[in-house]
Protein backbone atom coordinates (compact mmCIF):
# COMPACT_ATOMS: atom_id res chain seq x y z
CA UNK A 1 26.59 12.27 -7.34
CA UNK A 2 27.64 11.59 -10.92
CA UNK A 3 24.69 11.32 -13.32
CA UNK A 4 22.28 12.62 -10.67
CA UNK A 5 20.62 15.06 -13.08
CA UNK A 6 20.58 12.31 -15.68
CA UNK A 7 18.33 10.16 -13.49
CA UNK A 8 16.09 13.12 -12.63
CA UNK A 9 15.59 13.98 -16.30
CA UNK A 10 14.59 10.40 -17.12
CA UNK A 11 12.23 10.34 -14.15
CA UNK A 12 10.57 13.57 -15.28
CA UNK A 13 9.83 12.01 -18.67
CA UNK A 14 8.36 8.96 -16.95
CA UNK A 15 6.12 11.15 -14.77
CA UNK A 16 4.61 12.80 -17.83
CA UNK A 17 2.88 9.55 -18.79
CA UNK A 18 -0.58 9.44 -17.12
CA UNK A 19 -0.48 5.74 -16.29
CA UNK A 20 -3.65 5.66 -14.18
CA UNK A 21 -4.64 2.00 -13.94
CA UNK A 22 -8.12 2.66 -12.55
CA UNK A 23 -9.29 4.33 -15.79
CA UNK A 24 -10.66 1.72 -18.17
CA UNK A 25 -9.94 3.73 -21.34
CA UNK A 26 -6.28 4.30 -20.46
CA UNK A 27 -4.64 1.25 -22.04
CA UNK A 28 -2.61 3.35 -24.49
CA UNK A 29 -0.90 5.29 -21.70
CA UNK A 30 -0.36 2.13 -19.65
CA UNK A 31 1.38 0.49 -22.61
CA UNK A 32 3.40 3.65 -23.21
CA UNK A 33 4.64 3.61 -19.60
CA UNK A 34 5.54 -0.08 -19.87
CA UNK A 35 7.52 0.50 -23.08
CA UNK A 36 9.32 3.43 -21.41
CA UNK A 37 10.38 1.22 -18.49
CA UNK A 38 11.56 -1.54 -20.79
CA UNK A 39 13.78 0.92 -22.66
CA UNK A 40 15.13 2.37 -19.40
CA UNK A 41 16.03 -1.12 -18.16
CA UNK A 42 18.08 -1.77 -21.29
CA UNK A 43 19.59 1.70 -21.14
CA UNK A 44 20.64 1.23 -17.50
CA UNK A 45 22.33 -2.13 -17.95
CA UNK A 46 19.81 -4.97 -18.09
CA UNK A 47 20.74 -7.82 -20.43
CA UNK A 48 17.16 -8.42 -21.45
CA UNK A 49 13.78 -6.71 -21.05
CA UNK A 50 10.30 -7.26 -22.42
CA UNK A 51 6.74 -6.03 -22.09
CA UNK A 52 4.43 -8.94 -21.30
CA UNK A 53 0.79 -8.72 -22.31
CA UNK A 54 -1.81 -9.77 -19.76
CA UNK A 55 -5.59 -9.70 -19.57
CA UNK A 56 -5.13 -6.37 -17.85
CA UNK A 57 -2.18 -3.97 -17.96
CA UNK A 58 1.27 -5.12 -19.11
CA UNK A 59 4.05 -6.47 -16.91
CA UNK A 60 7.60 -5.25 -17.55
CA UNK A 61 10.14 -8.01 -17.02
CA UNK A 62 13.91 -7.76 -17.24
CA UNK A 63 17.07 -9.65 -16.31
CA UNK A 64 20.70 -8.98 -15.50
CA UNK A 65 22.76 -12.15 -15.29
CA UNK A 66 26.03 -12.13 -13.35
CA UNK A 67 26.65 -15.88 -13.10
CA UNK A 68 24.63 -19.07 -13.31
CA UNK A 69 26.32 -20.12 -10.06
CA UNK A 70 25.14 -17.19 -7.96
CA UNK A 71 21.79 -16.38 -6.35
CA UNK A 72 19.06 -14.16 -7.76
CA UNK A 73 17.19 -11.19 -6.38
CA UNK A 74 13.99 -9.64 -7.69
CA UNK A 75 13.47 -5.88 -7.83
CA UNK A 76 9.75 -5.10 -7.81
CA UNK A 77 7.83 -1.89 -8.39
CA UNK A 78 4.68 -0.58 -10.05
CA UNK A 79 4.34 1.98 -12.81
CA UNK A 80 0.62 2.60 -12.38
CA UNK A 81 -0.50 5.60 -10.37
CA UNK A 82 -3.64 6.72 -8.59
CA UNK A 83 -6.14 9.03 -10.32
CA UNK A 84 -5.11 12.66 -9.91
CA UNK A 85 -8.59 13.95 -9.08
CA UNK A 86 -9.64 16.35 -7.61
CA UNK A 87 -7.65 18.29 -10.20
CA UNK A 88 -8.72 21.68 -8.85
CA UNK A 89 -6.71 21.03 -5.67
CA UNK A 90 -3.41 20.64 -7.53
CA UNK A 91 -1.13 23.65 -7.65
CA UNK A 92 0.41 22.32 -10.87
CA UNK A 93 -0.63 19.92 -13.62
CA UNK A 94 -0.20 16.43 -12.07
CA UNK A 95 1.28 15.08 -15.30
CA UNK A 96 3.53 18.02 -16.07
CA UNK A 97 6.16 17.51 -13.34
CA UNK A 98 7.86 20.54 -11.87
CA UNK A 99 10.73 20.92 -9.42
CA UNK A 100 10.27 23.56 -6.76
CA UNK A 101 11.42 23.87 -3.13
CA UNK A 102 13.78 20.94 -3.86
CA UNK A 103 10.82 18.64 -4.49
CA UNK A 104 9.40 16.99 -7.59
CA UNK A 105 5.64 17.62 -7.83
CA UNK A 106 3.67 15.15 -9.96
CA UNK A 107 1.36 12.19 -9.66
CA UNK A 108 3.65 9.21 -9.07
CA UNK A 109 6.57 11.34 -7.92
CA UNK A 110 6.87 9.05 -4.91
CA UNK A 111 4.35 6.25 -5.47
CA UNK A 112 5.91 4.48 -7.18
CA UNK A 113 7.69 6.00 -10.17
CA UNK A 114 10.16 8.02 -8.11
CA UNK A 115 11.03 5.04 -5.96
CA UNK A 116 11.38 2.79 -9.03
CA UNK A 117 13.99 5.24 -10.31
CA UNK A 118 15.89 5.08 -7.03
CA UNK A 119 16.23 1.35 -7.64
CA UNK A 120 17.15 1.79 -11.31
CA UNK A 121 19.76 4.45 -10.59
CA UNK A 122 21.41 2.31 -7.90
CA UNK A 123 21.33 -0.69 -10.24
CA UNK A 124 23.02 1.29 -13.02
CA UNK A 125 25.76 2.40 -10.62
CA UNK A 126 26.56 -1.05 -9.20
CA UNK A 127 26.61 -2.56 -12.70
CA UNK A 128 28.97 0.09 -14.06
CA UNK A 129 31.30 -0.27 -11.05
CA UNK A 130 31.19 -4.09 -11.00
CA UNK A 131 29.64 -4.21 -7.52
CA UNK A 132 26.70 -6.40 -8.50
CA UNK A 133 27.16 -9.87 -6.97
CA UNK A 134 23.78 -11.45 -7.74
CA UNK A 135 21.58 -11.99 -10.75
CA UNK A 136 18.67 -9.58 -10.92
CA UNK A 137 15.16 -10.05 -12.23
CA UNK A 138 12.97 -6.96 -12.60
CA UNK A 139 9.21 -7.20 -12.23
CA UNK A 140 7.27 -3.97 -12.72
CA UNK A 141 3.49 -4.15 -12.87
CA UNK A 142 0.70 -1.79 -13.90
CA UNK A 143 -2.05 -2.88 -11.52
CA UNK A 144 -0.77 -2.42 -7.97
CA UNK A 145 -3.28 0.33 -7.30
CA UNK A 146 -6.18 -1.88 -8.45
CA UNK A 147 -5.28 -5.23 -6.90
CA UNK A 148 -2.39 -6.76 -8.92
CA UNK A 149 -4.70 -9.36 -10.47
CA UNK A 150 -2.66 -9.88 -13.65
CA UNK A 151 0.64 -10.14 -11.77
CA UNK A 152 -0.76 -12.77 -9.40
CA UNK A 153 -1.92 -14.84 -12.37
CA UNK A 154 1.41 -14.44 -14.15
CA UNK A 155 3.41 -15.36 -11.04
CA UNK A 156 1.33 -18.48 -10.52
CA UNK A 157 1.80 -19.61 -14.12
CA UNK A 158 5.54 -18.84 -14.18
CA UNK A 159 6.66 -19.55 -10.62
CA UNK A 160 8.96 -22.38 -11.69
CA UNK A 161 10.98 -19.92 -13.78
CA UNK A 162 11.15 -17.13 -11.19
CA UNK A 163 13.40 -18.65 -8.56
CA UNK A 164 14.91 -16.02 -6.28
CA UNK A 165 16.38 -15.65 -2.81
CA UNK A 166 15.08 -12.15 -2.05
CA UNK A 167 12.67 -9.52 -3.34
CA UNK A 168 13.64 -5.87 -2.87
CA UNK A 169 10.80 -3.34 -2.87
CA UNK A 170 10.94 0.44 -2.68
CA UNK A 171 7.24 1.27 -2.31
CA UNK A 172 7.12 2.22 1.34
CA UNK A 173 8.24 5.13 3.47
CA UNK A 174 9.99 6.07 6.66
CA UNK A 175 8.84 7.91 9.73
CA UNK A 176 10.85 11.04 8.99
CA UNK A 177 13.95 12.12 7.09
CA UNK A 178 15.62 12.53 10.47
CA UNK A 179 14.31 9.15 11.64
CA UNK A 180 15.34 6.67 8.93
CA UNK A 181 13.39 3.47 9.29
CA UNK A 182 12.65 0.18 7.57
CA UNK A 183 9.21 -1.35 7.21
CA UNK A 184 9.39 -4.87 8.61
CA UNK A 185 5.69 -5.60 8.38
CA UNK A 186 2.39 -4.65 6.78
CA UNK A 187 -1.17 -5.03 7.88
CA UNK A 188 -3.46 -7.00 5.61
CA UNK A 189 -6.86 -5.89 4.36
CA UNK A 190 -10.44 -7.11 4.15
CA UNK A 191 -13.03 -5.07 2.24
CA UNK A 192 -16.77 -5.74 2.19
CA UNK A 193 -20.03 -4.13 1.07
CA UNK A 194 -23.20 -4.38 3.16
CA UNK A 195 -26.73 -3.92 1.80
CA UNK A 196 -29.75 -3.62 4.09
CA UNK A 197 -33.20 -3.76 2.46
CA UNK A 198 -36.49 -2.85 4.07
CA UNK A 199 -39.71 -2.06 2.18
CA UNK A 200 -40.10 -2.69 -1.54
CA UNK A 201 -40.02 1.04 -2.27
CA UNK A 202 -39.28 4.33 -0.52
CA UNK A 203 -42.13 5.16 1.83
CA UNK A 204 -43.66 8.40 3.13
CA UNK A 205 -42.04 8.90 6.55
CA UNK A 206 -45.22 10.38 8.00
CA UNK A 207 -47.63 7.69 6.86
CA UNK A 208 -45.31 4.77 7.61
CA UNK A 209 -42.91 6.14 10.23
CA UNK A 210 -43.08 4.13 13.46
CA UNK A 211 -44.47 1.05 11.74
CA UNK A 212 -41.72 0.13 9.29
CA UNK A 213 -38.01 -0.27 10.04
CA UNK A 214 -35.73 2.29 8.38
CA UNK A 215 -32.83 0.44 6.65
CA UNK A 216 -30.41 3.32 7.28
CA UNK A 217 -31.24 3.36 10.99
CA UNK A 218 -30.79 -0.41 11.19
CA UNK A 219 -27.52 -0.34 9.25
CA UNK A 220 -26.12 2.34 11.56
CA UNK A 221 -27.17 0.31 14.60
CA UNK A 222 -25.51 -2.83 13.23
CA UNK A 223 -22.27 -0.99 12.45
CA UNK A 224 -22.23 0.65 15.89
CA UNK A 225 -22.49 -2.78 17.52
CA UNK A 226 -19.17 -3.93 16.06
CA UNK A 227 -16.96 -1.90 18.44
CA UNK A 228 -17.01 -0.71 22.02
CA UNK A 229 -16.32 2.91 22.97
CA UNK A 230 -12.55 2.36 22.84
CA UNK A 231 -12.47 0.75 19.43
CA UNK A 232 -12.22 -2.87 20.56
CA UNK A 233 -13.90 -5.11 18.01
CA UNK A 234 -16.67 -7.21 19.51
CA UNK A 235 -17.12 -9.80 16.73
CA UNK A 236 -16.68 -13.25 18.33
CA UNK A 237 -13.39 -14.90 17.33
CA UNK A 238 -11.99 -11.74 15.74
CA UNK A 239 -8.84 -11.65 17.91
CA UNK A 240 -8.25 -15.41 18.10
CA UNK A 241 -5.20 -15.38 15.79
CA UNK A 242 -3.75 -11.98 16.66
CA UNK A 243 -0.12 -12.21 17.76
CA UNK A 244 0.36 -10.44 21.08
CA UNK A 245 3.81 -8.83 21.00
CA UNK A 246 5.86 -9.24 24.17
CA UNK A 247 7.34 -6.31 26.08
CA UNK A 248 10.69 -6.48 24.26
CA UNK A 249 9.02 -6.47 20.85
CA UNK A 250 6.74 -3.60 21.84
CA UNK A 251 9.73 -1.64 23.13
CA UNK A 252 11.45 -2.11 19.77
CA UNK A 253 8.39 -0.80 17.92
CA UNK A 254 8.10 2.18 20.24
CA UNK A 255 11.65 3.27 19.47
CA UNK A 256 9.88 5.07 16.62
CA UNK A 257 8.40 7.86 18.68
CA UNK A 258 5.58 10.01 17.34
CA UNK A 259 4.83 13.53 18.55
CA UNK A 260 1.14 13.03 19.38
CA UNK A 261 0.40 16.74 19.58
CA UNK A 262 1.87 17.34 16.14
CA UNK A 263 0.05 14.25 14.87
CA UNK A 264 -3.30 15.64 16.07
CA UNK A 265 -2.62 19.08 14.66
CA UNK A 266 -1.69 17.73 11.23
CA UNK A 267 -4.96 15.82 10.87
CA UNK A 268 -7.14 18.36 12.67
CA UNK A 269 -8.45 16.39 15.67
CA UNK A 270 -8.55 17.36 19.34
CA UNK A 271 -8.18 13.87 20.77
CA UNK A 272 -6.96 10.49 19.58
CA UNK A 273 -9.06 7.35 19.83
CA UNK A 274 -8.34 3.64 20.04
CA UNK A 275 -7.80 0.54 22.10
CA UNK A 276 -6.72 1.15 25.65
CA UNK A 277 -3.27 0.05 26.85
CA UNK A 278 -1.73 0.40 23.38
CA UNK A 279 0.42 3.27 22.18
CA UNK A 280 -0.29 5.24 19.01
CA UNK A 281 2.37 3.37 17.05
CA UNK A 282 0.98 0.04 18.27
CA UNK A 283 -2.60 0.91 17.37
CA UNK A 284 -1.55 1.74 13.83
CA UNK A 285 0.67 -1.27 13.27
CA UNK A 286 0.11 -4.42 15.35
CA UNK A 287 -3.59 -4.05 16.17
CA UNK A 288 -6.46 -4.87 13.78
CA UNK A 289 -9.17 -2.37 12.87
CA UNK A 290 -12.73 -2.02 11.63
CA UNK A 291 -13.74 1.10 9.70
CA UNK A 292 -16.70 2.32 7.68
CA UNK A 293 -15.30 3.67 4.42
CA UNK A 294 -18.61 4.83 2.97
CA UNK A 295 -22.32 4.80 3.84
CA UNK A 296 -25.28 5.86 1.75
CA UNK A 297 -28.99 5.50 1.06
CA UNK A 298 -32.18 7.51 0.84
CA UNK A 299 -32.43 11.07 -0.42
CA UNK A 300 -29.18 13.05 -0.63
CA UNK A 301 -30.19 15.86 -2.98
CA UNK A 302 -30.79 19.51 -2.25
CA UNK A 303 -33.59 20.40 0.15
CA UNK A 304 -35.78 17.88 1.97
CA UNK A 305 -37.61 14.72 1.05
CA UNK A 306 -39.36 12.91 3.89
CA UNK A 307 -38.97 9.22 3.18
CA UNK A 308 -38.15 5.91 4.74
CA UNK A 309 -35.65 4.59 2.17
CA UNK A 310 -36.00 1.14 0.72
CA UNK A 311 -32.31 0.30 0.93
CA UNK A 312 -29.06 1.36 2.63
CA UNK A 313 -25.45 0.51 1.83
CA UNK A 314 -22.07 0.64 3.53
CA UNK A 315 -18.52 -0.24 2.54
CA UNK A 316 -16.35 -1.42 5.41
CA UNK A 317 -12.72 -2.37 5.77
CA UNK A 318 -10.67 -4.22 8.32
CA UNK A 319 -6.90 -3.99 8.60
CA UNK A 320 -5.60 -7.32 9.82
CA UNK A 321 -2.31 -8.27 11.49
CA UNK A 322 -0.07 -11.34 11.65
CA UNK A 323 -1.28 -14.16 11.91
CA UNK A 324 -4.84 -13.28 10.91
CA UNK A 325 -6.01 -14.26 7.43
CA UNK A 326 -8.25 -12.22 5.15
CA UNK A 327 -10.54 -15.15 4.34
CA UNK A 328 -11.27 -15.97 7.98
CA UNK A 329 -11.80 -12.36 9.06
CA UNK A 330 -14.01 -11.61 6.05
CA UNK A 331 -16.21 -14.59 6.88
CA UNK A 332 -16.37 -13.61 10.56
CA UNK A 333 -17.52 -10.09 9.67
CA UNK A 334 -20.02 -11.37 7.11
CA UNK A 335 -21.46 -13.98 9.48
CA UNK A 336 -21.71 -11.43 12.29
CA UNK A 337 -23.82 -8.96 10.29
CA UNK A 338 -26.09 -11.70 8.97
CA UNK A 339 -26.56 -13.12 12.47
CA UNK A 340 -27.34 -9.84 14.25
CA UNK A 341 -29.57 -8.35 11.54
CA UNK A 342 -33.16 -8.14 12.84
CA UNK A 343 -35.94 -10.00 10.99
CA UNK A 344 -37.69 -6.83 9.82
CA UNK A 345 -34.96 -6.18 7.22
CA UNK A 346 -32.97 -8.37 4.85
CA UNK A 347 -29.20 -8.13 4.59
CA UNK A 348 -26.56 -9.01 2.00
CA UNK A 349 -22.82 -8.92 2.64
CA UNK A 350 -20.42 -9.16 -0.29
CA UNK A 351 -16.70 -9.79 0.25
CA UNK A 352 -15.03 -7.52 -2.34
CA UNK A 353 -11.33 -8.24 -1.86
CA UNK A 354 -8.59 -8.87 0.67
CA UNK A 355 -4.87 -9.19 1.22
CA UNK A 356 -2.70 -10.86 3.81
CA UNK A 357 -0.45 -9.24 6.44
CA UNK A 358 3.31 -9.56 6.16
CA UNK A 359 6.21 -9.75 8.62
CA UNK A 360 9.98 -9.84 7.94
CA UNK A 361 12.15 -11.80 10.42
CA UNK A 362 14.38 -9.46 12.39
CA UNK A 363 17.39 -11.72 11.88
CA UNK A 364 17.13 -11.81 8.08
CA UNK A 365 20.51 -11.04 6.49
CA UNK A 366 19.02 -8.58 4.01
CA UNK A 367 17.31 -6.63 6.78
CA UNK A 368 20.55 -6.34 8.75
CA UNK A 369 22.43 -5.18 5.63
CA UNK A 370 19.71 -2.62 4.85
CA UNK A 371 19.92 -1.22 8.36
CA UNK A 372 23.69 -0.79 8.03
CA UNK A 373 23.26 0.89 4.64
CA UNK A 374 20.73 3.37 6.06
CA UNK A 375 23.03 4.14 8.98
CA UNK A 376 25.88 4.81 6.54
CA UNK A 377 23.80 7.24 4.46
CA UNK A 378 21.86 9.08 7.16
CA UNK A 379 24.42 8.89 10.01
CA UNK A 380 21.54 8.01 12.33
CA UNK A 381 20.62 4.70 13.92
CA UNK A 382 17.67 3.37 11.87
CA UNK A 383 14.51 1.99 13.42
CA UNK A 384 12.14 -0.79 12.43
CA UNK A 385 8.40 -0.34 12.19
CA UNK A 386 5.28 -2.10 11.00
CA UNK A 387 3.21 -0.08 8.58
CA UNK A 388 -0.50 0.25 9.11
CA UNK A 389 -1.02 0.12 5.36
CA UNK A 390 -1.23 -2.85 3.04
CA UNK A 391 0.57 -3.99 -0.10
CA UNK A 392 -1.27 -7.24 -0.89
CA UNK A 393 1.21 -8.37 -3.56
CA UNK A 394 3.97 -8.67 -0.90
CA UNK A 395 2.19 -11.52 0.87
CA UNK A 396 1.33 -12.99 -2.55
CA UNK A 397 5.04 -13.08 -3.40
CA UNK A 398 5.68 -15.12 -0.28
CA UNK A 399 2.74 -17.47 -0.86
CA UNK A 400 3.48 -18.08 -4.56
CA UNK A 401 7.29 -17.88 -4.71
CA UNK A 402 8.19 -18.68 -1.12
CA UNK A 403 10.47 -15.62 -0.92
CA UNK A 404 10.71 -12.83 1.65
CA UNK A 405 10.53 -9.18 0.57
CA UNK A 406 12.72 -6.41 1.94
CA UNK A 407 10.64 -3.21 2.12
CA UNK A 408 13.25 -0.49 1.78
CA UNK A 409 11.38 2.69 0.88
CA UNK A 410 12.16 6.38 1.14
CA UNK A 411 8.79 8.13 1.08
CA UNK A 412 7.69 10.64 3.71
CA UNK A 413 4.27 11.59 5.07
CA UNK A 414 4.67 15.02 3.52
CA UNK A 415 4.86 13.45 0.04
CA UNK A 416 1.03 13.32 -0.10
CA UNK A 417 0.79 10.06 -2.02
CA UNK A 418 -2.72 9.34 -3.39
CA UNK A 419 -3.58 13.00 -2.73
CA UNK A 420 -3.32 16.27 -4.69
CA UNK A 421 0.16 17.77 -4.94
CA UNK A 422 2.04 14.50 -4.53
CA UNK A 423 5.75 15.21 -4.30
CA UNK A 424 9.13 13.68 -3.56
CA UNK A 425 12.05 15.42 -1.88
CA UNK A 426 15.19 15.45 -4.00
CA UNK A 427 17.24 14.85 -0.86
CA UNK A 428 15.35 11.61 -0.26
CA UNK A 429 15.79 10.62 -3.89
CA UNK A 430 19.56 11.06 -3.64
CA UNK A 431 19.84 9.42 -0.22
CA UNK A 432 17.76 6.53 -1.48
CA UNK A 433 20.18 5.91 -4.36
CA UNK A 434 23.19 6.08 -2.03
CA UNK A 435 21.55 3.71 0.46
CA UNK A 436 20.70 1.13 -2.18
CA UNK A 437 24.20 1.27 -3.64
CA UNK A 438 25.60 0.48 -0.19
CA UNK A 439 23.02 -2.24 0.25
CA UNK A 440 23.78 -4.03 -3.02
CA UNK A 441 27.54 -3.68 -2.51
CA UNK A 442 27.38 -5.38 0.91
CA UNK A 443 24.47 -7.81 0.55
CA UNK A 444 25.29 -11.42 1.45
CA UNK A 445 22.65 -14.08 0.90
């Protein structure tokens, strides 16, 4: 492809900027990344671009106007990346990108800097070849990995000026390079912290053991009561709003087959676990979950210390599905723990954050065009699937702007996003550009 190396070289410069949004003292690098994106937008054909200050990290906004009489699409992405730690597990410096084995290795190589550049490269091509039929607004944020707070506020304040017919997002993946697929849905998320308090101070486990409740024991018992042995969640009302997919819909989802033996080997387990009568792909897409993400309390240092701890903590998450809502599920979980906690301890449950699930209609014109574009590039019939993960801003787009988002991403499991040695296959980068060019050339809204 013409200018292929040109795009790679620009991407490599972008990857050198350690735009880690979670680090509070990193505002200089976040601003540097935003300025870089603004300049790239202008360089690649945008009519206008600016860096917008927020209470958090900047938003990069740009426009390309074709005609006042045509519709508008939004291209969204995020320039912030996850922390690179643990650094000792990286084979290379995470912010000194290298190309080896036909892959780019760097933090953000896939998520989401590499995928932003797929969009930018395709945009540059369709502009230069006069294929662009719609106005484009670019929205790139620096807080996706920490909740998108500033973008939500900005969207709410400016929604009257951000009219669009479609949002295009490349921040997802596909099942396999040989199984091209489009994400048509996302699970939502609820995240809470639980605190169980017993005695006023840590107690000697010999002098008080058997007479005073141990907060860690109680917390473990409460958590264990949430699910049965097959993972079904026992909180009353939890499944009330869950959409039960019919046989035809389930058959469509299961067109994306997963080699369960390979799946187990890759994550190092002997047996899979989950709700009965649901396939692996269904359990990880259209069924809700409850998981303990962290649990702590008492003595955790070297050697022994025989105590009954005063307090115990846990962080728990629930992935929710259409048409559940994060507010309702968070309150159900909170109320459940408060109700079942025994009187010999006190309990506090804090709702930390949440995001809504998302589902794209199967008859949406953009989805049909995207499927045809993938088929053209990969020469394989694409599949649809619902991701088990969450991108809370996608549902926020729909709630605030009233616009559907097309999730057309090109990441692979092997890209190790959020983990050491994140990478992006050059073949996927090139195929992504070709797919998006076909998509924008043929899109009808």
